[in-house]
Amino acid sequence: MATTKWVLDPTHSEVQFKVKHLVISTVTGSFKTFDGELETDGDDFENAKIQFSADIASIDTNQGQRDGHLKSADFFDAEKYPKLTFKSTSFTKKGGDEYLLEGDLTIKDVTKPVKLDVEFGGSATDFYGNNKAGFEVTGKISRKDFGLTWNGVTEAGAIVVADEVKLIFNVQFAKQA
């Protein structure tokens, strides 16, 4: 069966994360610059091979000072480690439009296996005749597992940043001819 290549369409995709601040409210951030691709056997997404990367310098939490701190050596160390990467090890259908995506996530110089839930949103042809496929990817990671260990404590003893980070990727891929 012929291999089909799909390329991430960044204009119709978003890569977000959510983390608790002071353990009482959630801060949402995103990466503005990212790319990815997947390879399938024909048009069947099961067992697809998926690669993804995001530029750390493109992190955006809607607050410049916080973004600068996240890019610093306290967190991502964007100057030394400019990208985070993901490479799939399996993509299996759980039923209906639900899949389990497993792979290796690398942040800074730490690579760990992660499991992510994927909902296939469907496929459609756009106004230009391009075949597109949409997915929502969700999961949770421990930031400390990836060396993001900075944790300020307020004078009252409150933890500034929670360990658990929620991932939410809404992505659209374009089938390549």
Protein backbone atom coordinates (compact mmCIF):
# COMPACT_ATOMS: atom_id res chain seq x y z
CA MET A 1 0.00 0.00 0.00
CA ALA A 2 1.23 3.47 -0.85
CA THR A 3 2.44 5.78 1.89
CA THR A 4 0.58 9.08 2.16
CA LYS A 5 2.22 12.15 3.64
CA TRP A 6 0.20 14.80 5.51
CA VAL A 7 1.67 18.17 6.54
CA LEU A 8 0.46 20.27 9.46
CA ASP A 9 -1.43 23.40 8.41
CA PRO A 10 -0.37 26.04 10.98
CA THR A 11 -3.00 28.56 9.87
CA HIS A 12 -5.76 26.13 10.92
CA SER A 13 -4.08 24.69 14.02
CA GLU A 14 -3.30 25.68 17.59
CA VAL A 15 -0.97 24.24 20.20
CA GLN A 16 -1.92 25.12 23.77
CA PHE A 17 -1.03 24.19 27.31
CA LYS A 18 -2.70 24.93 30.63
CA VAL A 19 -1.12 25.01 34.09
CA LYS A 20 -2.39 26.03 37.50
CA HIS A 21 -1.06 29.29 38.94
CA LEU A 22 -0.96 29.51 42.74
CA VAL A 23 -2.95 26.23 42.51
CA ILE A 24 -6.17 28.29 42.29
CA SER A 25 -6.51 29.40 38.67
CA THR A 26 -5.40 28.26 35.25
CA VAL A 27 -3.01 30.05 32.91
CA THR A 28 -3.26 29.18 29.22
CA GLY A 29 -0.29 29.43 26.92
CA SER A 30 0.47 28.49 23.36
CA PHE A 31 3.26 28.02 20.90
CA LYS A 32 2.84 30.27 17.87
CA THR A 33 5.45 28.56 15.66
CA PHE A 34 5.30 24.80 15.16
CA ASP A 35 5.31 22.16 12.45
CA GLY A 36 4.50 18.54 12.01
CA GLU A 37 3.74 15.76 9.63
CA LEU A 38 2.23 12.35 9.59
CA GLU A 39 2.59 9.39 7.28
CA THR A 40 -0.18 6.89 6.71
CA ASP A 41 -0.71 3.73 4.73
CA GLY A 42 -3.14 5.02 2.14
CA ASP A 43 -5.83 7.10 3.88
CA ASP A 44 -6.05 4.98 7.04
CA PHE A 45 -4.75 6.90 10.06
CA GLU A 46 -4.25 3.87 12.32
CA ASN A 47 -0.53 3.18 12.76
CA ALA A 48 0.33 6.62 11.36
CA LYS A 49 3.85 7.87 12.01
CA ILE A 50 3.72 11.34 13.53
CA GLN A 51 6.39 13.99 14.10
CA PHE A 52 5.92 17.39 15.67
CA SER A 53 8.08 20.27 16.89
CA ALA A 54 7.45 23.68 18.45
CA ASP A 55 9.76 26.68 18.71
CA ILE A 56 10.24 27.56 22.37
CA ALA A 57 10.87 31.22 21.49
CA SER A 58 7.29 31.40 20.18
CA ILE A 59 5.73 30.70 23.59
CA ASP A 60 2.88 33.08 24.38
CA THR A 61 0.91 33.32 27.63
CA ASN A 62 -0.43 36.80 26.90
CA GLN A 63 2.00 38.33 29.39
CA GLY A 64 5.46 39.33 28.14
CA GLN A 65 7.29 39.16 31.46
CA ARG A 66 6.02 35.62 32.12
CA ASP A 67 6.89 34.59 28.55
CA GLY A 68 10.44 35.84 29.08
CA HIS A 69 10.71 33.88 32.32
CA LEU A 70 9.45 30.71 30.59
CA LYS A 71 12.08 31.12 27.86
CA SER A 72 14.84 31.59 30.46
CA ALA A 73 17.08 28.92 32.01
CA ASP A 74 14.61 28.69 34.93
CA PHE A 75 12.24 26.86 32.58
CA PHE A 76 12.73 25.98 28.89
CA ASP A 77 16.16 27.61 28.35
CA ALA A 78 15.14 28.55 24.79
CA GLU A 79 18.61 29.76 23.85
CA LYS A 80 20.18 26.37 24.57
CA TYR A 81 17.14 24.20 23.67
CA PRO A 82 15.22 26.06 20.94
CA LYS A 83 12.66 23.32 20.17
CA LEU A 84 10.50 20.74 21.84
CA THR A 85 9.89 17.63 19.74
CA PHE A 86 7.57 14.65 19.63
CA LYS A 87 7.96 11.43 17.64
CA SER A 88 5.26 8.77 17.73
CA THR A 89 5.89 5.15 18.62
CA SER A 90 2.28 4.02 18.03
CA PHE A 91 -1.10 5.37 16.94
CA THR A 92 -3.88 2.92 17.67
CA LYS A 93 -7.63 3.13 17.19
CA LYS A 94 -9.60 2.76 20.43
CA GLY A 95 -12.99 2.83 18.71
CA GLY A 96 -15.08 5.21 16.66
CA ASP A 97 -13.08 8.40 16.14
CA GLU A 98 -10.90 7.85 19.24
CA TYR A 99 -7.20 6.99 19.07
CA LEU A 100 -4.33 6.56 21.50
CA LEU A 101 -1.11 8.29 20.48
CA GLU A 102 2.09 7.16 22.18
CA GLY A 103 5.51 8.60 21.58
CA ASP A 104 8.63 10.27 22.85
CA LEU A 105 8.42 13.91 23.93
CA THR A 106 11.69 15.83 24.25
CA ILE A 107 11.86 19.06 26.22
CA LYS A 108 15.27 20.55 26.91
CA ASP A 109 17.55 17.49 26.88
CA VAL A 110 15.01 15.12 28.48
CA THR A 111 13.06 12.55 26.47
CA LYS A 112 10.16 10.71 28.08
CA PRO A 113 7.36 8.50 26.75
CA VAL A 114 3.90 10.10 26.79
CA LYS A 115 0.38 8.92 26.02
CA LEU A 116 -2.09 11.29 24.41
CA ASP A 117 -5.76 10.93 23.55
CA VAL A 118 -6.74 11.83 20.01
CA GLU A 119 -10.16 12.52 18.56
CA PHE A 120 -10.36 12.42 14.78
CA GLY A 121 -12.59 15.32 13.74
CA GLY A 122 -13.00 14.10 10.18
CA SER A 123 -11.72 15.00 6.76
CA ALA A 124 -12.92 17.40 4.11
CA THR A 125 -11.86 19.03 0.87
CA ASP A 126 -11.24 22.78 1.07
CA PHE A 127 -12.10 25.46 -1.52
CA TYR A 128 -8.82 24.77 -3.35
CA GLY A 129 -9.32 21.01 -3.68
CA ASN A 130 -6.94 20.12 -0.83
CA ASN A 131 -7.85 17.13 1.31
CA LYS A 132 -7.65 18.06 5.03
CA ALA A 133 -7.93 16.01 8.22
CA GLY A 134 -8.55 17.42 11.68
CA PHE A 135 -7.61 16.10 15.12
CA GLU A 136 -7.87 17.18 18.74
CA VAL A 137 -5.01 15.87 20.88
CA THR A 138 -5.18 16.05 24.67
CA GLY A 139 -3.07 14.81 27.53
CA LYS A 140 -1.18 15.65 30.69
CA ILE A 141 2.50 15.68 31.55
CA SER A 142 4.58 16.44 34.61
CA ARG A 143 6.73 19.47 33.82
CA LYS A 144 9.26 18.35 36.45
CA ASP A 145 9.78 15.07 34.55
CA PHE A 146 11.23 17.20 31.74
CA GLY A 147 13.57 19.29 33.87
CA LEU A 148 11.19 22.25 34.23
CA THR A 149 11.69 22.31 37.97
CA TRP A 150 11.62 26.00 38.90
CA ASN A 151 9.00 26.62 41.53
CA GLY A 152 8.73 29.87 43.34
CA VAL A 153 6.84 29.98 46.60
CA THR A 154 5.01 33.11 47.73
CA GLU A 155 5.65 34.68 51.13
CA ALA A 156 2.42 33.04 52.30
CA GLY A 157 3.78 29.63 51.20
CA ALA A 158 1.68 29.14 48.06
CA ILE A 159 3.24 27.21 45.18
CA VAL A 160 3.43 29.48 42.13
CA VAL A 161 3.29 26.88 39.31
CA ALA A 162 1.70 23.42 39.48
CA ASP A 163 3.56 20.36 38.23
CA GLU A 164 0.79 19.01 35.99
CA VAL A 165 0.51 20.58 32.55
CA LYS A 166 -2.50 19.92 30.33
CA LEU A 167 -1.87 19.75 26.59
CA ILE A 168 -4.52 20.66 24.02
CA PHE A 169 -3.63 20.57 20.33
CA ASN A 170 -6.25 21.25 17.67
CA VAL A 171 -4.50 20.44 14.43
CA GLN A 172 -5.34 20.19 10.76
CA PHE A 173 -3.21 18.30 8.28
CA ALA A 174 -3.15 18.70 4.49
CA LYS A 175 -2.70 15.62 2.34
CA GLN A 176 0.28 15.92 0.02
CA ALA A 177 -0.03 14.95 -3.66
